Amino acid sequence: MEDETKTCKSNKKVNSAASNGGFYGLGFIGAAIYFISNAATFGAGVIGFLKAIVWPAFLVYEAFKYFGL
C-alpha cells in the first residue's frame, strides 16, 4: 500500500489541453451554425455539418495560402 501512495504522488501531471478542447468545441458550434444556415438543401446541410467537424483544417489551409507557404 505504501508503494501505491508513492506512485500516485510522483505521477502528478497537468493537463493543459482542456482549453484547446473548449476552443475547438465553440468553433465547431459556430461553424456548424454558419455552414448549416447557409445550406439550401438537406444534403448541403449534411455536408455543412461535416465541414464543421474539420474546420481547423480549412483554417490552416487558408492561412498557409495567405502567407504563401
PDB file of N, CA and C in Angstrom:
ATOM      1  N   MET A   1       0.815  -1.176   0.000  1.00  0.00           N
ATOM      2  CA  MET A   1       0.000   0.000   0.000  1.00  0.00           C
ATOM      3  C   MET A   1       0.865   1.248   0.000  1.00  0.00           C
ATOM      4  N   GLU A   2       1.981   1.163   0.628  1.00  0.00           N
ATOM      5  CA  GLU A   2       2.885   2.306   0.675  1.00  0.00           C
ATOM      6  C   GLU A   2       3.439   2.621  -0.721  1.00  0.00           C
ATOM      7  N   ASP A   3       3.695   1.583  -1.521  1.00  0.00           N
ATOM      8  CA  ASP A   3       4.202   1.789  -2.879  1.00  0.00           C
ATOM      9  C   ASP A   3       3.181   2.515  -3.751  1.00  0.00           C
ATOM     10  N   GLU A   4       1.888   2.185  -3.595  1.00  0.00           N
ATOM     11  CA  GLU A   4       0.848   2.844  -4.370  1.00  0.00           C
ATOM     12  C   GLU A   4       0.787   4.326  -4.050  1.00  0.00           C
ATOM     13  N   THR A   5       0.960   4.691  -2.801  1.00  0.00           N
ATOM     14  CA  THR A   5       0.928   6.087  -2.397  1.00  0.00           C
ATOM     15  C   THR A   5       2.079   6.853  -3.032  1.00  0.00           C
ATOM     16  N   LYS A   6       3.253   6.254  -3.047  1.00  0.00           N
ATOM     17  CA  LYS A   6       4.402   6.905  -3.653  1.00  0.00           C
ATOM     18  C   LYS A   6       4.191   7.078  -5.155  1.00  0.00           C
ATOM     19  N   THR A   7       3.624   6.088  -5.805  1.00  0.00           N
ATOM     20  CA  THR A   7       3.389   6.165  -7.238  1.00  0.00           C
ATOM     21  C   THR A   7       2.397   7.272  -7.556  1.00  0.00           C
ATOM     22  N   CYS A   8       1.332   7.361  -6.795  1.00  0.00           N
ATOM     23  CA  CYS A   8       0.326   8.383  -7.035  1.00  0.00           C
ATOM     24  C   CYS A   8       0.898   9.781  -6.828  1.00  0.00           C
ATOM     25  N   LYS A   9       1.714   9.959  -5.834  1.00  0.00           N
ATOM     26  CA  LYS A   9       2.273  11.270  -5.561  1.00  0.00           C
ATOM     27  C   LYS A   9       3.282  11.690  -6.623  1.00  0.00           C
ATOM     28  N   SER A  10       4.002  10.751  -7.194  1.00  0.00           N
ATOM     29  CA  SER A  10       5.034  11.104  -8.151  1.00  0.00           C
ATOM     30  C   SER A  10       4.501  11.262  -9.574  1.00  0.00           C
ATOM     31  N   ASN A  11       3.267  10.865  -9.838  1.00  0.00           N
ATOM     32  CA  ASN A  11       2.715  10.942 -11.186  1.00  0.00           C
ATOM     33  C   ASN A  11       1.768  12.126 -11.343  1.00  0.00           C
ATOM     34  N   LYS A  12       2.136  13.259 -10.836  1.00  0.00           N
ATOM     35  CA  LYS A  12       1.293  14.447 -10.991  1.00  0.00           C
ATOM     36  C   LYS A  12       1.518  15.030 -12.378  1.00  0.00           C
ATOM     37  N   LYS A  13       0.440  15.136 -13.138  1.00  0.00           N
ATOM     38  CA  LYS A  13       0.515  15.695 -14.487  1.00  0.00           C
ATOM     39  C   LYS A  13      -0.502  16.818 -14.596  1.00  0.00           C
ATOM     40  N   VAL A  14      -0.113  17.836 -15.303  1.00  0.00           N
ATOM     41  CA  VAL A  14      -1.007  18.964 -15.535  1.00  0.00           C
ATOM     42  C   VAL A  14      -1.522  18.847 -16.954  1.00  0.00           C
ATOM     43  N   ASN A  15      -2.830  18.880 -17.116  1.00  0.00           N
ATOM     44  CA  ASN A  15      -3.442  18.771 -18.421  1.00  0.00           C
ATOM     45  C   ASN A  15      -3.753  20.166 -18.942  1.00  0.00           C
ATOM     46  N   SER A  16      -2.993  20.616 -19.925  1.00  0.00           N
ATOM     47  CA  SER A  16      -3.226  21.940 -20.490  1.00  0.00           C
ATOM     48  C   SER A  16      -4.040  21.869 -21.776  1.00  0.00           C
ATOM     49  N   ALA A  17      -4.471  20.702 -22.189  1.00  0.00           N
ATOM     50  CA  ALA A  17      -5.224  20.554 -23.425  1.00  0.00           C
ATOM     51  C   ALA A  17      -6.702  20.875 -23.237  1.00  0.00           C
ATOM     52  N   ALA A  18      -7.143  21.074 -22.040  1.00  0.00           N
ATOM     53  CA  ALA A  18      -8.570  21.316 -21.797  1.00  0.00           C
ATOM     54  C   ALA A  18      -9.034  22.603 -22.464  1.00  0.00           C
ATOM     55  N   SER A  19      -8.239  23.640 -22.439  1.00  0.00           N
ATOM     56  CA  SER A  19      -8.653  24.892 -23.059  1.00  0.00           C
ATOM     57  C   SER A  19      -8.727  24.755 -24.570  1.00  0.00           C
ATOM     58  N   ASN A  20      -7.883  23.939 -25.168  1.00  0.00           N
ATOM     59  CA  ASN A  20      -7.943  23.715 -26.608  1.00  0.00           C
ATOM     60  C   ASN A  20      -9.220  22.987 -26.994  1.00  0.00           C
ATOM     61  N   GLY A  21      -9.665  22.078 -26.163  1.00  0.00           N
ATOM     62  CA  GLY A  21     -10.918  21.378 -26.434  1.00  0.00           C
ATOM     63  C   GLY A  21     -12.108  22.320 -26.387  1.00  0.00           C
ATOM     64  N   GLY A  22     -12.076  23.248 -25.472  1.00  0.00           N
ATOM     65  CA  GLY A  22     -13.142  24.248 -25.398  1.00  0.00           C
ATOM     66  C   GLY A  22     -13.142  25.157 -26.612  1.00  0.00           C
ATOM     67  N   PHE A  23     -11.954  25.547 -27.063  1.00  0.00           N
ATOM     68  CA  PHE A  23     -11.836  26.383 -28.262  1.00  0.00           C
ATOM     69  C   PHE A  23     -12.368  25.642 -29.478  1.00  0.00           C
ATOM     70  N   TYR A  24     -11.996  24.377 -29.610  1.00  0.00           N
ATOM     71  CA  TYR A  24     -12.491  23.570 -30.726  1.00  0.00           C
ATOM     72  C   TYR A  24     -14.012  23.399 -30.641  1.00  0.00           C
ATOM     73  N   GLY A  25     -14.524  23.161 -29.444  1.00  0.00           N
ATOM     74  CA  GLY A  25     -15.962  22.977 -29.274  1.00  0.00           C
ATOM     75  C   GLY A  25     -16.762  24.205 -29.660  1.00  0.00           C
ATOM     76  N   LEU A  26     -16.314  25.371 -29.211  1.00  0.00           N
ATOM     77  CA  LEU A  26     -17.004  26.607 -29.591  1.00  0.00           C
ATOM     78  C   LEU A  26     -16.876  26.871 -31.083  1.00  0.00           C
ATOM     79  N   GLY A  27     -15.713  26.586 -31.630  1.00  0.00           N
ATOM     80  CA  GLY A  27     -15.527  26.743 -33.076  1.00  0.00           C
ATOM     81  C   GLY A  27     -16.404  25.793 -33.861  1.00  0.00           C
ATOM     82  N   PHE A  28     -16.549  24.572 -33.369  1.00  0.00           N
ATOM     83  CA  PHE A  28     -17.417  23.598 -34.029  1.00  0.00           C
ATOM     84  C   PHE A  28     -18.863  24.080 -34.045  1.00  0.00           C
ATOM     85  N   ILE A  29     -19.339  24.567 -32.923  1.00  0.00           N
ATOM     86  CA  ILE A  29     -20.724  25.050 -32.853  1.00  0.00           C
ATOM     87  C   ILE A  29     -20.924  26.226 -33.810  1.00  0.00           C
ATOM     88  N   GLY A  30     -19.995  27.168 -33.790  1.00  0.00           N
ATOM     89  CA  GLY A  30     -20.104  28.323 -34.689  1.00  0.00           C
ATOM     90  C   GLY A  30     -20.049  27.923 -36.147  1.00  0.00           C
ATOM     91  N   ALA A  31     -19.131  27.017 -36.482  1.00  0.00           N
ATOM     92  CA  ALA A  31     -19.011  26.564 -37.873  1.00  0.00           C
ATOM     93  C   ALA A  31     -20.250  25.789 -38.298  1.00  0.00           C
ATOM     94  N   ALA A  32     -20.786  24.968 -37.415  1.00  0.00           N
ATOM     95  CA  ALA A  32     -21.995  24.204 -37.751  1.00  0.00           C
ATOM     96  C   ALA A  32     -23.161  25.146 -38.008  1.00  0.00           C
ATOM     97  N   ILE A  33     -23.328  26.146 -37.168  1.00  0.00           N
ATOM     98  CA  ILE A  33     -24.406  27.120 -37.377  1.00  0.00           C
ATOM     99  C   ILE A  33     -24.208  27.848 -38.698  1.00  0.00           C
ATOM    100  N   TYR A  34     -22.979  28.281 -38.978  1.00  0.00           N
ATOM    101  CA  TYR A  34     -22.699  29.008 -40.218  1.00  0.00           C
ATOM    102  C   TYR A  34     -22.974  28.142 -41.442  1.00  0.00           C
ATOM    103  N   PHE A  35     -22.367  26.948 -41.491  1.00  0.00           N
ATOM    104  CA  PHE A  35     -22.494  26.108 -42.678  1.00  0.00           C
ATOM    105  C   PHE A  35     -23.928  25.612 -42.876  1.00  0.00           C
ATOM    106  N   ILE A  36     -24.609  25.238 -41.809  1.00  0.00           N
ATOM    107  CA  ILE A  36     -25.966  24.715 -41.939  1.00  0.00           C
ATOM    108  C   ILE A  36     -26.951  25.831 -42.289  1.00  0.00           C
ATOM    109  N   SER A  37     -26.747  27.020 -41.719  1.00  0.00           N
ATOM    110  CA  SER A  37     -27.673  28.115 -42.033  1.00  0.00           C
ATOM    111  C   SER A  37     -27.524  28.590 -43.474  1.00  0.00           C
ATOM    112  N   ASN A  38     -26.370  28.382 -44.090  1.00  0.00           N
ATOM    113  CA  ASN A  38     -26.164  28.772 -45.483  1.00  0.00           C
ATOM    114  C   ASN A  38     -26.475  27.651 -46.465  1.00  0.00           C
ATOM    115  N   ALA A  39     -26.942  26.523 -45.972  1.00  0.00           N
ATOM    116  CA  ALA A  39     -27.265  25.383 -46.839  1.00  0.00           C
ATOM    117  C   ALA A  39     -28.653  25.562 -47.441  1.00  0.00           C
ATOM    118  N   ALA A  40     -28.756  25.271 -48.727  1.00  0.00           N
ATOM    119  CA  ALA A  40     -30.043  25.399 -49.416  1.00  0.00           C
ATOM    120  C   ALA A  40     -30.844  24.102 -49.381  1.00  0.00           C
ATOM    121  N   THR A  41     -30.183  22.966 -49.246  1.00  0.00           N
ATOM    122  CA  THR A  41     -30.859  21.668 -49.235  1.00  0.00           C
ATOM    123  C   THR A  41     -30.397  20.866 -48.025  1.00  0.00           C
ATOM    124  N   PHE A  42     -31.096  19.759 -47.787  1.00  0.00           N
ATOM    125  CA  PHE A  42     -30.716  18.888 -46.674  1.00  0.00           C
ATOM    126  C   PHE A  42     -29.323  18.306 -46.893  1.00  0.00           C
ATOM    127  N   GLY A  43     -29.038  17.906 -48.122  1.00  0.00           N
ATOM    128  CA  GLY A  43     -27.724  17.343 -48.446  1.00  0.00           C
ATOM    129  C   GLY A  43     -26.607  18.356 -48.199  1.00  0.00           C
ATOM    130  N   ALA A  44     -26.860  19.606 -48.550  1.00  0.00           N
ATOM    131  CA  ALA A  44     -25.868  20.652 -48.300  1.00  0.00           C
ATOM    132  C   ALA A  44     -25.703  20.887 -46.795  1.00  0.00           C
ATOM    133  N   GLY A  45     -26.771  20.697 -46.046  1.00  0.00           N
ATOM    134  CA  GLY A  45     -26.679  20.818 -44.588  1.00  0.00           C
ATOM    135  C   GLY A  45     -25.823  19.717 -43.989  1.00  0.00           C
ATOM    136  N   VAL A  46     -25.945  18.505 -44.524  1.00  0.00           N
ATOM    137  CA  VAL A  46     -25.118  17.385 -44.061  1.00  0.00           C
ATOM    138  C   VAL A  46     -23.648  17.667 -44.385  1.00  0.00           C
ATOM    139  N   ILE A  47     -23.385  18.135 -45.601  1.00  0.00           N
ATOM    140  CA  ILE A  47     -22.016  18.493 -45.976  1.00  0.00           C
ATOM    141  C   ILE A  47     -21.507  19.618 -45.082  1.00  0.00           C
ATOM    142  N   GLY A  48     -22.371  20.567 -44.753  1.00  0.00           N
ATOM    143  CA  GLY A  48     -22.000  21.655 -43.855  1.00  0.00           C
ATOM    144  C   GLY A  48     -21.630  21.152 -42.473  1.00  0.00           C
ATOM    145  N   PHE A  49     -22.364  20.165 -41.979  1.00  0.00           N
ATOM    146  CA  PHE A  49     -22.041  19.576 -40.681  1.00  0.00           C
ATOM    147  C   PHE A  49     -20.680  18.887 -40.728  1.00  0.00           C
ATOM    148  N   LEU A  50     -20.408  18.183 -41.807  1.00  0.00           N
ATOM    149  CA  LEU A  50     -19.107  17.514 -41.954  1.00  0.00           C
ATOM    150  C   LEU A  50     -17.978  18.545 -42.057  1.00  0.00           C
ATOM    151  N   LYS A  51     -18.231  19.646 -42.741  1.00  0.00           N
ATOM    152  CA  LYS A  51     -17.234  20.724 -42.811  1.00  0.00           C
ATOM    153  C   LYS A  51     -16.982  21.310 -41.430  1.00  0.00           C
ATOM    154  N   ALA A  52     -18.031  21.407 -40.620  1.00  0.00           N
ATOM    155  CA  ALA A  52     -17.882  21.963 -39.272  1.00  0.00           C
ATOM    156  C   ALA A  52     -16.984  21.088 -38.408  1.00  0.00           C
ATOM    157  N   ILE A  53     -16.980  19.795 -38.664  1.00  0.00           N
ATOM    158  CA  ILE A  53     -16.130  18.891 -37.888  1.00  0.00           C
ATOM    159  C   ILE A  53     -14.655  19.153 -38.182  1.00  0.00           C
ATOM    160  N   VAL A  54     -14.326  19.447 -39.432  1.00  0.00           N
ATOM    161  CA  VAL A  54     -12.924  19.614 -39.831  1.00  0.00           C
ATOM    162  C   VAL A  54     -12.552  21.075 -40.088  1.00  0.00           C
ATOM    163  N   TRP A  55     -13.249  22.022 -39.476  1.00  0.00           N
ATOM    164  CA  TRP A  55     -12.979  23.435 -39.733  1.00  0.00           C
ATOM    165  C   TRP A  55     -11.543  23.856 -39.446  1.00  0.00           C
ATOM    166  N   PRO A  56     -10.827  23.258 -38.482  1.00  0.00           N
ATOM    167  CA  PRO A  56      -9.432  23.697 -38.299  1.00  0.00           C
ATOM    168  C   PRO A  56      -8.565  23.416 -39.529  1.00  0.00           C
ATOM    169  N   ALA A  57      -8.871  22.361 -40.262  1.00  0.00           N
ATOM    170  CA  ALA A  57      -8.106  22.072 -41.475  1.00  0.00           C
ATOM    171  C   ALA A  57      -8.312  23.172 -42.507  1.00  0.00           C
ATOM    172  N   PHE A  58      -9.535  23.667 -42.644  1.00  0.00           N
ATOM    173  CA  PHE A  58      -9.795  24.783 -43.548  1.00  0.00           C
ATOM    174  C   PHE A  58      -9.045  26.034 -43.104  1.00  0.00           C
ATOM    175  N   LEU A  59      -9.045  26.280 -41.816  1.00  0.00           N
ATOM    176  CA  LEU A  59      -8.362  27.454 -41.270  1.00  0.00           C
ATOM    177  C   LEU A  59      -6.864  27.412 -41.565  1.00  0.00           C
ATOM    178  N   VAL A  60      -6.232  26.283 -41.314  1.00  0.00           N
ATOM    179  CA  VAL A  60      -4.794  26.152 -41.548  1.00  0.00           C
ATOM    180  C   VAL A  60      -4.490  26.245 -43.042  1.00  0.00           C
ATOM    181  N   TYR A  61      -5.301  25.619 -43.877  1.00  0.00           N
ATOM    182  CA  TYR A  61      -5.097  25.667 -45.325  1.00  0.00           C
ATOM    183  C   TYR A  61      -5.154  27.108 -45.828  1.00  0.00           C
ATOM    184  N   GLU A  62      -6.168  27.852 -45.413  1.00  0.00           N
ATOM    185  CA  GLU A  62      -6.303  29.239 -45.859  1.00  0.00           C
ATOM    186  C   GLU A  62      -5.177  30.118 -45.314  1.00  0.00           C
ATOM    187  N   ALA A  63      -4.733  29.851 -44.101  1.00  0.00           N
ATOM    188  CA  ALA A  63      -3.617  30.609 -43.523  1.00  0.00           C
ATOM    189  C   ALA A  63      -2.339  30.355 -44.309  1.00  0.00           C
ATOM    190  N   PHE A  64      -2.076  29.097 -44.650  1.00  0.00           N
ATOM    191  CA  PHE A  64      -0.887  28.778 -45.444  1.00  0.00           C
ATOM    192  C   PHE A  64      -0.965  29.424 -46.833  1.00  0.00           C
ATOM    193  N   LYS A  65      -2.158  29.402 -47.423  1.00  0.00           N
ATOM    194  CA  LYS A  65      -2.327  30.016 -48.737  1.00  0.00           C
ATOM    195  C   LYS A  65      -2.105  31.541 -48.640  1.00  0.00           C
ATOM    196  N   TYR A  66      -2.607  32.153 -47.604  1.00  0.00           N
ATOM    197  CA  TYR A  66      -2.463  33.598 -47.416  1.00  0.00           C
ATOM    198  C   TYR A  66      -0.994  33.992 -47.243  1.00  0.00           C
ATOM    199  N   PHE A  67      -0.253  33.218 -46.446  1.00  0.00           N
ATOM    200  CA  PHE A  67       1.140  33.544 -46.174  1.00  0.00           C
ATOM    201  C   PHE A  67       2.094  32.993 -47.244  1.00  0.00           C
ATOM    202  N   GLY A  68       1.559  32.295 -48.239  1.00  0.00           N
ATOM    203  CA  GLY A  68       2.372  31.790 -49.333  1.00  0.00           C
ATOM    204  C   GLY A  68       3.292  30.636 -48.954  1.00  0.00           C
ATOM    205  N   LEU A  69       2.863  29.828 -48.024  1.00  0.00           N
ATOM    206  CA  LEU A  69       3.684  28.695 -47.588  1.00  0.00           C
ATOM    207  C   LEU A  69       3.380  27.451 -48.384  1.00  0.00           C
TER     208      LEU A  69
END
